[in-house]
């Protein structure tokens, strides 16, 4: 019978890896500082390398297709994240407060598994051109008027200040003037973060920079060209899911990758099934849970590669969350811009597709040891508008597909998706493994019905996940 994991799976290294992941999951009892997290990532890489070395010959070089070199960017080194982390830890002595596990030590910490007390959030929109001001200011006005809990708005401006203060086109100048007026009003929740004035370059990762200093623990993201999902989706459903899963990335606009080898398919399916079992048991706060192992990616040994799904946005079994409609704990910002990951950020910045979304999702999952969580991007506000067969009429996939090839001007260039495939394979090789995918239902990849009502969301109405946070007072049900 085909197998991937050898009988020696329960080796000392395997047990050490499991213990490291379990330690990360139990961050609810004490803050987990960066060294403990980095050690768990190194353990995962070494475990994956051991698994790859034990792949039997009949599982090697089984693919009939080869990965296309779509750009001139060299791939990241296989398992390189472990090398980078070891190098950084060797060159930076452990602080006494880290050894004592003291709160407030100047280092990065993982967020808690739940943040039930959080009621406010920061909205971050990144932009760089006045040509898109109208696209996000119009929906932003509606958000400011009708979205409860949005106590801070940060516009990350990746161009010189003069691009806003000296606008030549009249229509664009109207929006630029309004944006600057909001920024200058100390009573207004919006402020502009001028990246270049903070010593940064025009970088898509600036939206995750700790220099933003968001005042709220929950940080919600949109691209300047959208899509902008509804209050019901983002606040009533998405934020509530995040409050119950604040140590992972949460979002409404997912992508996934497709394993091509039978070995990776089998391992990935096994991990997803184990994860679903944990969700179905409705275990609270990661208590005494060891989450499933990631799926090893054996690029050099087996010549494996994966496909980037360009055809759909699966609600379940997702691996990557696009920025628009995602929510992240602010503690992750410290990790994303940590000096140990400089090699990774530099590669992302210079790749033709600048895959910040792939990097952020993959890094956060390896930091937490868990997959992201997803929620429906459309919520029906009428009782009769949630049929299972109306997905074609909704238009959401068409809208999203057109806007997913965004902002870089690459969507109309030949080979754009080949570049994305190259990027995900390079990043996957760098980390050495992929998480098991967002979990809800093993037998479906889309939310059914496609546009559920609020009373169909399990974590809102006494379903799975609802008791992970105390019930909210009925008078505050929508005041989040």
Protein backbone atom coordinates (compact mmCIF):
# COMPACT_ATOMS: atom_id res chain seq x y z
CA UNK A 1 0.00 0.00 0.00
CA UNK A 2 1.26 3.45 -0.86
CA UNK A 3 2.58 5.42 2.05
CA UNK A 4 4.54 8.57 2.63
CA UNK A 5 5.23 8.64 6.32
CA UNK A 6 7.49 5.77 7.29
CA UNK A 7 7.02 3.72 10.43
CA UNK A 8 9.81 5.77 11.99
CA UNK A 9 7.41 8.74 11.98
CA UNK A 10 7.32 8.65 15.78
CA UNK A 11 11.04 9.28 15.93
CA UNK A 12 12.59 11.66 18.39
CA UNK A 13 12.59 14.41 15.79
CA UNK A 14 8.91 13.82 15.05
CA UNK A 15 8.01 14.00 18.74
CA UNK A 16 10.16 17.10 19.14
CA UNK A 17 8.36 18.74 16.24
CA UNK A 18 4.94 17.85 17.69
CA UNK A 19 6.00 19.24 21.07
CA UNK A 20 7.12 22.49 19.47
CA UNK A 21 3.79 22.91 17.70
CA UNK A 22 1.89 22.06 20.88
CA UNK A 23 3.91 24.69 22.73
CA UNK A 24 2.96 27.26 20.12
CA UNK A 25 -0.72 26.33 20.30
CA UNK A 26 -0.78 26.83 24.07
CA UNK A 27 0.14 30.49 23.77
CA UNK A 28 -3.07 31.26 25.65
CA UNK A 29 -1.29 30.58 28.96
CA UNK A 30 1.80 32.70 28.40
CA UNK A 31 3.16 34.97 25.68
CA UNK A 32 5.30 33.07 23.19
CA UNK A 33 8.28 35.22 22.24
CA UNK A 34 10.07 35.13 18.92
CA UNK A 35 12.79 32.65 19.83
CA UNK A 36 10.29 30.01 20.87
CA UNK A 37 8.34 30.57 17.66
CA UNK A 38 11.48 30.51 15.51
CA UNK A 39 12.57 27.24 17.11
CA UNK A 40 9.22 25.67 16.23
CA UNK A 41 9.62 26.74 12.59
CA UNK A 42 13.14 25.30 12.47
CA UNK A 43 11.83 22.04 13.93
CA UNK A 44 9.13 21.91 11.25
CA UNK A 45 11.66 22.45 8.45
CA UNK A 46 13.99 19.77 9.80
CA UNK A 47 11.07 17.38 10.21
CA UNK A 48 9.97 18.04 6.62
CA UNK A 49 13.51 17.42 5.38
CA UNK A 50 13.55 14.10 7.23
CA UNK A 51 10.23 13.13 5.66
CA UNK A 52 11.50 14.08 2.20
CA UNK A 53 14.63 12.01 2.65
CA UNK A 54 12.48 8.98 3.44
CA UNK A 55 10.26 9.25 0.37
CA UNK A 56 10.42 5.87 -1.41
CA UNK A 57 11.71 5.75 -4.96
CA UNK A 58 8.29 5.08 -6.47
CA UNK A 59 7.14 8.49 -5.17
CA UNK A 60 10.06 10.38 -6.71
CA UNK A 61 9.95 12.21 -10.01
CA UNK A 62 6.43 11.03 -10.79
CA UNK A 63 5.12 14.24 -12.35
CA UNK A 64 4.79 14.49 -16.11
CA UNK A 65 5.01 18.29 -16.15
CA UNK A 66 7.80 20.63 -15.15
CA UNK A 67 7.74 23.98 -13.40
CA UNK A 68 8.09 26.87 -15.85
CA UNK A 69 10.71 29.49 -15.10
CA UNK A 70 8.46 32.47 -15.77
CA UNK A 71 10.80 35.22 -14.53
CA UNK A 72 14.50 35.80 -14.08
CA UNK A 73 14.19 35.63 -10.27
CA UNK A 74 16.18 32.73 -8.80
CA UNK A 75 14.14 30.52 -6.46
CA UNK A 76 14.50 30.92 -2.75
CA UNK A 77 16.74 28.22 -1.21
CA UNK A 78 14.89 25.09 -0.15
CA UNK A 79 14.36 25.13 3.60
CA UNK A 80 16.02 28.54 3.63
CA UNK A 81 13.81 29.93 6.38
CA UNK A 82 15.48 27.61 8.91
CA UNK A 83 18.93 28.77 7.81
CA UNK A 84 17.90 32.40 8.10
CA UNK A 85 16.41 31.91 11.57
CA UNK A 86 19.43 29.99 12.85
CA UNK A 87 21.72 32.71 11.50
CA UNK A 88 19.74 35.45 13.21
CA UNK A 89 19.53 33.65 16.55
CA UNK A 90 23.25 32.90 16.49
CA UNK A 91 24.06 36.55 15.87
CA UNK A 92 21.62 37.91 18.44
CA UNK A 93 22.01 36.76 22.01
CA UNK A 94 18.91 35.90 24.00
CA UNK A 95 17.70 38.76 26.18
CA UNK A 96 17.46 38.06 29.92
CA UNK A 97 13.79 39.00 29.85
CA UNK A 98 13.20 36.39 27.12
CA UNK A 99 14.77 33.67 29.23
CA UNK A 100 12.57 34.74 32.14
CA UNK A 101 9.53 35.02 29.85
CA UNK A 102 8.76 38.49 31.16
CA UNK A 103 5.80 40.41 29.74
CA UNK A 104 6.85 43.57 27.92
CA UNK A 105 10.21 42.24 26.78
CA UNK A 106 11.23 44.08 23.56
CA UNK A 107 10.63 41.19 21.21
CA UNK A 108 7.87 39.79 19.00
CA UNK A 109 5.07 37.78 20.57
CA UNK A 110 2.36 35.57 19.13
CA UNK A 111 -1.19 36.81 19.72
CA UNK A 112 -3.61 34.85 21.92
CA UNK A 113 -5.84 32.20 20.32
CA UNK A 114 -8.95 34.25 21.15
CA UNK A 115 -9.55 37.97 21.66
CA UNK A 116 -13.09 37.96 23.00
CA UNK A 117 -12.74 41.35 24.68
CA UNK A 118 -11.90 43.17 21.43
CA UNK A 119 -14.73 45.39 20.17
CA UNK A 120 -12.88 47.87 17.94
CA UNK A 121 -10.62 47.51 14.91
CA UNK A 122 -8.28 49.44 12.64
CA UNK A 123 -8.93 49.63 8.90
CA UNK A 124 -5.83 49.76 6.67
CA UNK A 125 -5.96 50.72 2.98
CA UNK A 126 -2.75 50.97 0.98
CA UNK A 127 -2.54 53.29 -2.04
CA UNK A 128 0.02 55.09 -4.16
CA UNK A 129 -1.81 56.95 -6.92
CA UNK A 130 -4.50 59.63 -6.96
CA UNK A 131 -6.14 57.83 -9.88
CA UNK A 132 -7.65 55.36 -7.41
CA UNK A 133 -8.78 57.80 -4.73
CA UNK A 134 -12.39 57.74 -5.88
CA UNK A 135 -12.44 53.93 -5.86
CA UNK A 136 -11.82 53.71 -2.13
CA UNK A 137 -12.97 57.05 -0.73
CA UNK A 138 -16.56 56.50 -1.88
CA UNK A 139 -16.98 53.17 -0.05
CA UNK A 140 -14.86 54.48 2.84
CA UNK A 141 -17.40 57.23 3.54
CA UNK A 142 -20.10 54.57 3.87
CA UNK A 143 -17.91 52.55 6.23
CA UNK A 144 -17.24 55.55 8.46
CA UNK A 145 -20.95 56.27 8.65
CA UNK A 146 -22.25 52.74 9.19
CA UNK A 147 -19.56 50.31 10.38
CA UNK A 148 -19.53 50.03 14.20
CA UNK A 149 -16.23 49.54 15.98
CA UNK A 150 -14.04 51.09 13.28
CA UNK A 151 -12.17 53.49 15.56
CA UNK A 152 -9.10 54.03 13.36
CA UNK A 153 -8.37 54.25 9.63
CA UNK A 154 -4.81 54.22 8.28
CA UNK A 155 -4.12 55.09 4.64
CA UNK A 156 -0.68 53.73 3.79
CA UNK A 157 0.53 56.11 1.08
CA UNK A 158 3.43 54.64 -0.88
CA UNK A 159 4.22 57.76 -2.92
CA UNK A 160 5.65 61.19 -2.04
CA UNK A 161 3.38 63.57 -0.13
CA UNK A 162 3.42 65.90 -3.12
CA UNK A 163 1.39 63.40 -5.14
CA UNK A 164 -1.49 64.37 -2.84
CA UNK A 165 -0.74 68.04 -2.26
CA UNK A 166 -0.01 68.96 -5.89
CA UNK A 167 -2.68 67.18 -7.94
CA UNK A 168 -3.22 68.58 -11.42
CA UNK A 169 -6.43 66.76 -12.41
CA UNK A 170 -9.44 68.54 -10.92
CA UNK A 171 -11.54 65.46 -10.10
CA UNK A 172 -8.61 63.75 -8.41
CA UNK A 173 -7.73 66.97 -6.54
CA UNK A 174 -11.18 67.00 -4.92
CA UNK A 175 -10.63 63.57 -3.40
CA UNK A 176 -7.02 64.35 -2.46
CA UNK A 177 -8.13 67.52 -0.67
CA UNK A 178 -10.78 65.59 1.25
CA UNK A 179 -8.27 62.90 2.26
CA UNK A 180 -5.74 65.48 3.47
CA UNK A 181 -8.43 67.35 5.40
CA UNK A 182 -9.38 64.18 7.24
CA UNK A 183 -5.73 63.55 8.05
CA UNK A 184 -5.26 67.08 9.42
CA UNK A 185 -8.37 66.89 11.61
CA UNK A 186 -7.22 65.56 15.03
CA UNK A 187 -10.77 64.43 15.83
CA UNK A 188 -11.10 62.33 12.66
CA UNK A 189 -10.30 58.58 12.86
CA UNK A 190 -8.33 58.66 9.58
CA UNK A 191 -4.63 59.33 9.35
CA UNK A 192 -2.21 59.02 6.45
CA UNK A 193 0.97 57.03 6.88
CA UNK A 194 3.46 58.44 4.38
CA UNK A 195 5.76 55.47 3.85
CA UNK A 196 8.62 57.34 2.20
CA UNK A 197 8.77 59.84 5.07
CA UNK A 198 9.17 56.92 7.46
CA UNK A 199 12.29 55.69 5.67
CA UNK A 200 10.45 52.99 3.70
CA UNK A 201 10.31 52.36 -0.03
CA UNK A 202 7.28 51.74 -2.23
CA UNK A 203 6.64 48.20 -0.97
CA UNK A 204 3.41 46.22 -0.86
CA UNK A 205 4.46 44.87 2.53
CA UNK A 206 4.25 48.38 4.03
CA UNK A 207 0.64 47.67 4.96
CA UNK A 208 2.02 45.19 7.50
CA UNK A 209 4.77 47.43 8.87
CA UNK A 210 4.90 47.84 12.66
CA UNK A 211 5.65 51.53 12.16
CA UNK A 212 1.94 51.93 11.43
CA UNK A 213 1.36 51.42 15.16
CA UNK A 214 -2.34 50.53 14.89
CA UNK A 215 -4.05 51.29 18.17
CA UNK A 216 -6.38 48.30 17.89
CA UNK A 217 -5.48 44.63 18.15
CA UNK A 218 -7.67 43.72 15.15
CA UNK A 219 -6.41 45.10 11.83
CA UNK A 220 -8.71 44.86 8.80
CA UNK A 221 -7.34 45.22 5.26
CA UNK A 222 -8.60 46.37 1.88
CA UNK A 223 -6.78 47.12 -1.37
CA UNK A 224 -7.36 50.60 -2.75
CA UNK A 225 -9.19 49.07 -5.72
CA UNK A 226 -11.24 46.70 -3.58
CA UNK A 227 -13.29 44.68 -3.68
CA UNK A 228 -14.98 46.15 -0.62
CA UNK A 229 -17.18 43.61 1.09
CA UNK A 230 -20.23 44.47 3.16
CA UNK A 231 -20.51 45.37 6.84
CA UNK A 232 -22.42 42.14 7.41
CA UNK A 233 -19.59 40.09 5.94
CA UNK A 234 -16.67 41.97 7.47
CA UNK A 235 -17.96 43.12 10.86
CA UNK A 236 -20.87 40.88 11.84
CA UNK A 237 -19.30 37.68 10.50
CA UNK A 238 -15.58 38.18 9.83
CA UNK A 239 -14.63 40.06 12.97
CA UNK A 240 -16.59 37.61 15.10
CA UNK A 241 -14.67 34.72 13.53
CA UNK A 242 -11.39 36.55 14.15
CA UNK A 243 -12.25 37.16 17.82
CA UNK A 244 -12.50 33.38 18.18
CA UNK A 245 -9.33 32.71 16.12
CA UNK A 246 -7.07 35.71 16.67
CA UNK A 247 -3.81 33.78 16.34
CA UNK A 248 -4.37 33.05 12.63
CA UNK A 249 -5.11 35.08 9.53
CA UNK A 250 -8.84 35.38 8.82
CA UNK A 251 -10.31 36.43 5.48
CA UNK A 252 -13.04 36.32 2.86
CA UNK A 253 -11.04 36.25 -0.38
CA UNK A 254 -9.13 32.96 -0.52
CA UNK A 255 -6.96 31.18 -3.03
CA UNK A 256 -5.59 27.67 -2.85
CA UNK A 257 -2.88 25.58 -4.42
CA UNK A 258 -3.29 22.20 -6.08
CA UNK A 259 -1.00 19.34 -5.20
CA UNK A 260 0.03 17.36 -8.26
CA UNK A 261 1.76 14.30 -6.79
CA UNK A 262 -0.24 11.49 -5.21
CA UNK A 263 2.05 11.67 -2.18
CA UNK A 264 1.26 15.32 -1.47
CA UNK A 265 -2.43 14.82 -2.20
CA UNK A 266 -2.64 11.98 0.32
CA UNK A 267 -0.70 13.84 3.01
CA UNK A 268 -2.70 17.02 2.45
CA UNK A 269 -6.03 15.20 2.63
CA UNK A 270 -4.95 13.48 5.84
CA UNK A 271 -4.04 16.79 7.47
CA UNK A 272 -7.27 18.46 6.39
CA UNK A 273 -9.33 15.56 7.75
CA UNK A 274 -7.56 15.77 11.11
CA UNK A 275 -8.13 19.51 11.22
CA UNK A 276 -11.82 19.14 10.41
CA UNK A 277 -12.12 16.62 13.23
CA UNK A 278 -10.72 19.21 15.64
CA UNK A 279 -13.16 21.85 14.41
CA UNK A 280 -16.12 19.49 14.63
CA UNK A 281 -15.21 18.62 18.23
CA UNK A 282 -15.52 22.35 18.92
CA UNK A 283 -12.55 22.35 21.28
CA UNK A 284 -12.00 25.74 22.88
CA UNK A 285 -8.84 27.84 23.02
CA UNK A 286 -6.46 25.20 21.65
CA UNK A 287 -6.46 23.39 24.99
CA UNK A 288 -4.20 20.30 24.80
CA UNK A 289 -4.46 20.17 21.01
CA UNK A 290 -1.73 19.17 18.59
CA UNK A 291 -2.75 20.45 15.20
CA UNK A 292 -2.03 18.35 12.09
CA UNK A 293 1.42 18.24 10.58
CA UNK A 294 2.01 20.37 7.50
CA UNK A 295 2.47 18.68 4.12
CA UNK A 296 6.19 18.40 3.27
CA UNK A 297 7.27 19.88 -0.07
CA UNK A 298 10.22 17.94 -1.47
CA UNK A 299 11.33 20.05 -4.40
CA UNK A 300 14.92 18.87 -4.71
CA UNK A 301 14.37 15.19 -3.90
CA UNK A 302 11.14 14.45 -5.76
CA UNK A 303 11.05 17.35 -8.27
CA UNK A 304 7.64 18.25 -6.87
CA UNK A 305 5.81 21.41 -7.80
CA UNK A 306 2.28 22.67 -7.28
CA UNK A 307 -0.30 24.64 -9.23
CA UNK A 308 -1.78 27.97 -8.21
CA UNK A 309 -5.55 27.78 -8.58
CA UNK A 310 -6.52 30.51 -11.03
CA UNK A 311 -10.09 29.35 -11.59
CA UNK A 312 -11.90 29.84 -8.29
CA UNK A 313 -11.86 31.32 -4.82
CA UNK A 314 -12.61 28.29 -2.63
CA UNK A 315 -14.23 29.04 0.70
CA UNK A 316 -12.69 25.92 2.23
CA UNK A 317 -9.30 24.20 1.86
CA UNK A 318 -7.77 27.61 1.11
CA UNK A 319 -4.03 28.20 1.49
CA UNK A 320 -3.62 31.90 0.68
CA UNK A 321 -5.76 34.89 1.64
CA UNK A 322 -5.70 37.93 -0.60
CA UNK A 323 -5.37 41.18 1.41
CA UNK A 324 -8.81 42.68 0.73
CA UNK A 325 -11.24 41.38 3.31
CA UNK A 326 -8.59 39.93 5.62
CA UNK A 327 -8.14 40.50 9.36
CA UNK A 328 -4.89 40.07 11.25
CA UNK A 329 -3.76 40.62 14.85
CA UNK A 330 -1.35 43.54 15.10
CA UNK A 331 1.21 41.35 16.89
CA UNK A 332 1.95 39.64 13.57
CA UNK A 333 3.28 42.92 12.13
CA UNK A 334 6.35 42.62 14.33
CA UNK A 335 7.10 39.20 12.83
CA UNK A 336 6.44 40.12 9.20
CA UNK A 337 9.09 42.86 9.38
CA UNK A 338 11.44 41.01 11.71
CA UNK A 339 15.14 41.24 10.64
CA UNK A 340 15.29 37.43 10.45
CA UNK A 341 12.95 37.50 7.44
CA UNK A 342 14.85 40.14 5.46
CA UNK A 343 15.90 37.63 2.77
CA UNK A 344 12.27 36.67 2.31
CA UNK A 345 11.03 40.27 2.06
CA UNK A 346 13.77 41.19 -0.41
CA UNK A 347 12.84 38.30 -2.68
CA UNK A 348 9.16 39.30 -2.59
CA UNK A 349 9.97 42.93 -3.36
CA UNK A 350 12.02 42.00 -6.43
CA UNK A 351 9.83 39.26 -7.89
CA UNK A 352 7.76 40.37 -10.89
CA UNK A 353 4.46 39.67 -9.10
CA UNK A 354 5.57 41.05 -5.72
CA UNK A 355 3.63 38.24 -3.97
CA UNK A 356 3.08 39.95 -0.61
CA UNK A 357 -0.20 38.07 -0.16
CA UNK A 358 1.49 34.69 -0.54
CA UNK A 359 4.31 35.63 1.81
CA UNK A 360 2.05 37.04 4.53
CA UNK A 361 -0.32 34.05 4.52
CA UNK A 362 2.47 31.49 4.45
CA UNK A 363 4.55 33.21 7.13
CA UNK A 364 1.61 33.68 9.51
CA UNK A 365 0.61 30.03 9.15
CA UNK A 366 4.14 28.88 9.98
CA UNK A 367 4.32 31.25 12.93
CA UNK A 368 1.03 29.98 14.35
CA UNK A 369 1.36 26.37 13.20
CA UNK A 370 -2.19 26.56 11.87
CA UNK A 371 -4.14 27.25 8.69
CA UNK A 372 -6.08 30.48 8.08
CA UNK A 373 -9.82 30.68 8.69
CA UNK A 374 -12.30 31.88 6.07
CA UNK A 375 -15.78 33.39 6.11
CA UNK A 376 -18.38 34.15 3.39
CA UNK A 377 -17.67 37.33 1.42
CA UNK A 378 -21.39 37.85 0.82
CA UNK A 379 -24.11 37.78 3.43
CA UNK A 380 -27.76 37.83 2.49
CA UNK A 381 -29.83 40.46 4.28
CA UNK A 382 -33.16 39.00 3.10
CA UNK A 383 -34.62 35.68 4.13
CA UNK A 384 -35.15 34.40 0.57
CA UNK A 385 -31.80 35.38 -0.92
CA UNK A 386 -29.62 32.45 0.08
CA UNK A 387 -30.35 29.70 -2.41
CA UNK A 388 -27.56 27.26 -3.19
CA UNK A 389 -27.86 27.68 -6.94
CA UNK A 390 -27.52 31.45 -7.30
CA UNK A 391 -23.73 31.65 -7.44
CA UNK A 392 -23.70 32.36 -11.18
CA UNK A 393 -26.11 35.25 -10.72
CA UNK A 394 -24.17 36.81 -7.85
CA UNK A 395 -21.36 38.08 -10.04
CA UNK A 396 -18.86 37.91 -7.22
CA UNK A 397 -16.43 35.54 -8.90
CA UNK A 398 -16.38 37.60 -12.07
CA UNK A 399 -15.80 40.76 -10.09
CA UNK A 400 -13.13 39.22 -7.93
CA UNK A 401 -11.35 37.51 -10.81
CA UNK A 402 -11.07 40.77 -12.72
CA UNK A 403 -9.79 42.61 -9.66
CA UNK A 404 -7.46 39.89 -8.47
CA UNK A 405 -5.05 40.72 -11.28
CA UNK A 406 -4.52 43.99 -9.61
CA UNK A 407 -2.39 47.07 -9.22
CA UNK A 408 0.82 45.75 -10.78
CA UNK A 409 -0.25 46.02 -14.41
CA UNK A 410 0.64 42.37 -15.00
CA UNK A 411 -2.85 40.98 -15.44
CA UNK A 412 -2.84 41.64 -19.21
CA UNK A 413 0.67 40.35 -19.79
CA UNK A 414 1.31 36.91 -21.14
CA UNK A 415 2.43 34.48 -18.50
CA UNK A 416 1.09 36.38 -15.48
CA UNK A 417 -0.30 33.25 -13.82
CA UNK A 418 2.85 31.34 -14.68
CA UNK A 419 4.68 33.99 -12.66
CA UNK A 420 2.32 33.42 -9.76
CA UNK A 421 2.89 29.65 -9.99
CA UNK A 422 6.64 30.26 -9.92
CA UNK A 423 6.24 32.49 -6.87
CA UNK A 424 4.18 30.05 -4.80
CA UNK A 425 6.57 27.19 -5.57
CA UNK A 426 9.58 29.25 -4.55
CA UNK A 427 7.96 30.33 -1.28
CA UNK A 428 6.75 26.82 -0.57
CA UNK A 429 10.26 25.47 -1.06
CA UNK A 430 11.66 28.12 1.29
CA UNK A 431 9.38 27.05 4.14
CA UNK A 432 9.54 23.36 3.24
CA UNK A 433 5.88 22.56 3.87
CA UNK A 434 2.32 23.84 3.52
CA UNK A 435 -0.46 23.88 6.09
CA UNK A 436 -3.51 21.66 5.67
CA UNK A 437 -5.90 24.32 4.34
CA UNK A 438 -8.75 26.29 5.86
CA UNK A 439 -11.23 23.88 7.32
CA UNK A 440 -14.99 23.62 7.48
CA UNK A 441 -16.23 20.71 5.39
CA UNK A 442 -14.11 17.93 3.90
CA UNK A 443 -16.50 17.27 1.01
CA UNK A 444 -17.08 20.76 -0.35
CA UNK A 445 -14.93 23.69 -1.42
CA UNK A 446 -17.62 26.39 -1.46
CA UNK A 447 -20.02 27.76 1.09
CA UNK A 448 -23.51 26.34 0.60
CA UNK A 449 -25.64 28.35 0.30
CA UNK A 450 -23.34 30.81 -1.40
CA UNK A 451 -24.89 33.82 0.33
CA UNK A 452 -25.96 32.70 3.81
CA UNK A 453 -27.93 34.84 6.21
CA UNK A 454 -26.50 35.85 9.56
CA UNK A 455 -28.55 33.23 11.39
CA UNK A 456 -26.87 30.51 9.31
CA UNK A 457 -23.34 31.39 10.51
CA UNK A 458 -22.41 28.72 13.10
CA UNK A 459 -20.23 30.89 15.33
CA UNK A 460 -23.02 33.47 15.62
CA UNK A 461 -25.95 31.17 16.42
CA UNK A 462 -25.03 28.43 18.92
CA UNK A 463 -23.10 26.43 16.35
CA UNK A 464 -19.46 25.32 16.12
CA UNK A 465 -17.23 28.05 17.53
CA UNK A 466 -20.02 30.10 19.10
CA UNK A 467 -19.00 29.25 22.66
CA UNK A 468 -15.34 30.12 22.12
CA UNK A 469 -16.25 33.63 23.23
CA UNK A 470 -18.87 34.51 25.86
CA UNK A 471 -22.30 35.37 24.43
CA UNK A 472 -22.70 39.07 23.72
CA UNK A 473 -25.47 41.09 25.31
CA UNK A 474 -28.39 41.39 22.92
CA UNK A 475 -28.13 45.18 23.12
CA UNK A 476 -24.60 44.98 21.74
CA UNK A 477 -25.21 42.23 19.20
CA UNK A 478 -24.28 44.44 16.26
CA UNK A 479 -22.17 46.96 18.17
CA UNK A 480 -18.82 45.42 17.39
